[in-house]
Amino acid sequence: MVVGVLLAAGAGRRYGKPKVLVEGWLETAVGALRDGGCAEVVLVLGAAEVPAPPGVTAITAPDWDEGLSASVRAGLLHAEGMDADYAVLHVIDTPDVGPAVVARVLGRALASGGGLARTYFGDRPGHPVVIGRQHLPAVLAQISGDQGAGSYLRSRRDVEIVDCADLAGGQDVDEPG
């Protein structure tokens, strides 16, 4: 089973509000995960509480303000509890990333057998990131503060690098306009 984990807990200080409140972004990100191949979607909230879209499980990272790792940890633990074979980590603030990106990265992870794949946009790493179940304990042990799974992925030689620059820009939107 593939579980999409949508990280949307941050306060969006530079943006001026939590990004999960930006009109259309939640629906876009959930659609990308669902239509890209995720059987289930977990929405990780924190700074703002919003109703989950139909069929989406919303959870709250109680320590969300301690950094990205708190959201990643909450989402991955929930996916692990759902017996996910793969977790697809995605972020709320890349609104141009659609289902084709998710499908491409997930497809490479499934085909590789190694269980790790990371989206790149040209030479820049981005989201989504696919993590196979066998890697979850090590990822969870390594993340801290404002660092997510990136350091774990950089330490591995078996990560599938999947260029999706032809499908999206993948830029994190940190400021309105």
Protein backbone atom coordinates (compact mmCIF):
# COMPACT_ATOMS: atom_id res chain seq x y z
CA MET A 1 0.00 0.00 0.00
CA VAL A 2 1.20 3.50 -0.83
CA VAL A 3 0.38 6.31 1.60
CA GLY A 4 0.80 9.94 0.66
CA VAL A 5 1.97 12.13 3.56
CA LEU A 6 1.19 15.79 2.99
CA LEU A 7 3.27 18.06 5.21
CA ALA A 8 1.19 21.16 6.00
CA ALA A 9 1.91 21.93 9.66
CA GLY A 10 4.05 25.07 9.37
CA ALA A 11 3.08 28.59 10.35
CA GLY A 12 4.19 30.09 7.02
CA ARG A 13 5.77 33.07 8.74
CA ARG A 14 7.37 34.46 5.58
CA TYR A 15 4.13 33.88 3.70
CA GLY A 16 2.10 35.65 6.36
CA LYS A 17 -0.15 32.71 7.23
CA PRO A 18 -0.06 28.91 7.34
CA LYS A 19 0.23 27.72 3.77
CA VAL A 20 -2.48 25.13 4.27
CA LEU A 21 -4.85 28.12 4.31
CA VAL A 22 -3.81 29.35 0.84
CA GLU A 23 -6.78 28.91 -1.46
CA GLY A 24 -6.48 25.84 -3.66
CA TRP A 25 -3.16 24.52 -2.39
CA LEU A 26 -4.59 21.77 -0.17
CA GLU A 27 -6.83 20.43 -2.92
CA THR A 28 -4.00 20.59 -5.46
CA ALA A 29 -1.56 18.69 -3.24
CA VAL A 30 -4.10 16.05 -2.21
CA GLY A 31 -5.08 15.59 -5.87
CA ALA A 32 -1.43 15.18 -6.86
CA LEU A 33 -0.96 12.42 -4.30
CA ARG A 34 -4.22 10.61 -4.98
CA ASP A 35 -4.09 10.83 -8.75
CA GLY A 36 -0.36 10.08 -8.70
CA GLY A 37 -0.86 6.64 -7.15
CA CYS A 38 -1.37 6.96 -3.38
CA ALA A 39 -4.12 4.71 -2.02
CA GLU A 40 -4.40 6.79 1.16
CA VAL A 41 -3.48 10.38 2.04
CA VAL A 42 -2.48 11.63 5.50
CA LEU A 43 -2.58 15.40 6.05
CA VAL A 44 -0.19 16.57 8.77
CA LEU A 45 -1.43 19.77 10.42
CA GLY A 46 -0.05 21.97 13.18
CA ALA A 47 -0.21 25.78 13.09
CA ALA A 48 -3.69 25.77 11.56
CA GLU A 49 -6.46 23.25 11.76
CA VAL A 50 -8.56 22.78 8.65
CA PRO A 51 -11.15 20.18 7.73
CA ALA A 52 -9.62 17.31 5.82
CA PRO A 53 -10.86 16.80 2.28
CA PRO A 54 -13.12 13.75 1.90
CA GLY A 55 -11.19 10.49 2.20
CA VAL A 56 -8.11 12.18 3.71
CA THR A 57 -6.93 11.41 7.25
CA ALA A 58 -5.91 14.55 9.13
CA ILE A 59 -3.50 14.30 12.05
CA THR A 60 -1.84 17.00 14.13
CA ALA A 61 1.87 17.07 14.87
CA PRO A 62 1.71 18.27 18.48
CA ASP A 63 5.28 19.57 18.39
CA TRP A 64 5.01 21.06 14.88
CA ASP A 65 6.70 24.29 16.00
CA GLU A 66 9.95 22.43 16.73
CA GLY A 67 10.66 22.16 13.01
CA LEU A 68 10.03 20.11 9.92
CA SER A 69 11.17 16.89 11.56
CA ALA A 70 8.14 16.93 13.88
CA SER A 71 5.76 16.91 10.91
CA VAL A 72 7.76 14.29 9.03
CA ARG A 73 7.92 12.10 12.14
CA ALA A 74 4.16 12.36 12.79
CA GLY A 75 3.31 11.59 9.17
CA LEU A 76 5.72 8.68 8.77
CA LEU A 77 4.68 7.12 12.07
CA HIS A 78 1.06 7.33 11.01
CA ALA A 79 1.86 5.80 7.60
CA GLU A 80 3.84 3.04 9.32
CA GLY A 81 0.84 2.36 11.58
CA MET A 82 -1.30 2.01 8.44
CA ASP A 83 1.10 -0.72 7.23
CA ALA A 84 2.26 1.40 4.31
CA ASP A 85 4.73 -0.28 2.02
CA TYR A 86 5.76 3.15 0.74
CA ALA A 87 5.29 6.68 2.05
CA VAL A 88 5.25 9.53 -0.44
CA LEU A 89 6.30 12.73 1.36
CA HIS A 90 4.93 15.85 -0.26
CA VAL A 91 4.74 19.49 0.83
CA ILE A 92 1.85 21.93 0.66
CA ASP A 93 3.87 24.81 -0.81
CA THR A 94 4.77 23.45 -4.24
CA PRO A 95 1.47 24.10 -6.01
CA ASP A 96 2.74 23.36 -9.51
CA VAL A 97 3.61 19.76 -8.64
CA GLY A 98 0.85 17.58 -10.00
CA PRO A 99 -0.02 13.90 -10.29
CA ALA A 100 2.39 13.27 -13.17
CA VAL A 101 5.34 14.15 -10.92
CA VAL A 102 4.08 11.90 -8.12
CA ALA A 103 3.41 9.04 -10.53
CA ARG A 104 6.88 9.29 -12.10
CA VAL A 105 8.74 9.31 -8.79
CA LEU A 106 6.58 6.59 -7.26
CA GLY A 107 6.93 4.45 -10.36
CA ARG A 108 10.72 4.63 -10.18
CA ALA A 109 10.69 3.75 -6.47
CA LEU A 110 8.45 0.75 -7.08
CA ALA A 111 10.55 -0.45 -10.02
CA SER A 112 13.88 0.00 -8.26
CA GLY A 113 13.37 -2.43 -5.41
CA GLY A 114 15.48 -0.17 -3.18
CA GLY A 115 12.50 1.75 -1.90
CA LEU A 116 13.93 5.26 -2.17
CA ALA A 117 13.27 7.92 -4.80
CA ARG A 118 13.66 11.67 -4.82
CA THR A 119 12.30 14.23 -7.21
CA TYR A 120 14.74 16.62 -8.82
CA PHE A 121 13.95 19.69 -10.85
CA GLY A 122 17.08 19.99 -12.95
CA ASP A 123 19.92 19.96 -10.43
CA ARG A 124 17.73 20.91 -7.44
CA PRO A 125 16.21 18.28 -5.13
CA GLY A 126 12.54 18.67 -4.31
CA HIS A 127 9.33 16.89 -3.41
CA PRO A 128 7.79 14.41 -3.46
CA VAL A 129 10.14 11.90 -1.89
CA VAL A 130 9.32 8.18 -1.72
CA ILE A 131 10.46 6.12 1.26
CA GLY A 132 9.97 2.37 1.43
CA ARG A 133 8.86 0.75 4.68
CA GLN A 134 12.28 -0.84 5.27
CA HIS A 135 13.81 2.66 5.54
CA LEU A 136 11.29 4.18 7.94
CA PRO A 137 13.08 3.25 11.21
CA ALA A 138 16.39 4.72 10.00
CA VAL A 139 14.75 7.89 8.68
CA LEU A 140 12.83 8.37 11.93
CA ALA A 141 16.01 7.87 13.95
CA GLN A 142 17.95 10.44 11.93
CA ILE A 143 15.56 13.38 11.55
CA SER A 144 15.66 16.29 13.98
CA GLY A 145 14.92 19.99 14.22
CA ASP A 146 14.16 21.62 10.91
CA GLN A 147 15.65 18.76 8.90
CA GLY A 148 13.45 16.16 7.28
CA ALA A 149 14.51 13.05 5.39
CA GLY A 150 17.09 14.89 3.26
CA SER A 151 20.15 13.94 5.29
CA TYR A 152 19.17 10.28 5.22
CA LEU A 153 18.64 10.40 1.47
CA ARG A 154 22.00 12.14 0.92
CA SER A 155 23.72 9.37 2.91
CA ARG A 156 22.39 6.64 0.63
CA ARG A 157 23.72 5.49 -2.73
CA ASP A 158 20.55 3.64 -3.70
CA VAL A 159 18.22 6.64 -4.04
CA GLU A 160 16.57 6.86 -7.43
CA ILE A 161 17.05 10.41 -8.73
CA VAL A 162 14.01 11.29 -10.81
CA ASP A 163 14.18 14.46 -12.89
CA CYS A 164 10.76 16.05 -13.28
CA ALA A 165 11.79 19.47 -14.62
CA ASP A 166 9.78 18.76 -17.76
CA LEU A 167 6.63 18.42 -15.63
CA ALA A 168 6.93 21.21 -13.03
CA GLY A 169 9.21 23.83 -11.55
CA GLY A 170 8.88 22.45 -8.02
CA GLN A 171 9.65 25.79 -6.37
CA ASP A 172 8.67 26.17 -2.72
CA VAL A 173 6.48 29.26 -2.57
CA ASP A 174 7.57 31.15 0.55
CA GLU A 175 6.05 34.57 -0.08
CA PRO A 176 2.71 35.64 -1.58
CA GLY A 177 2.67 37.03 -5.08
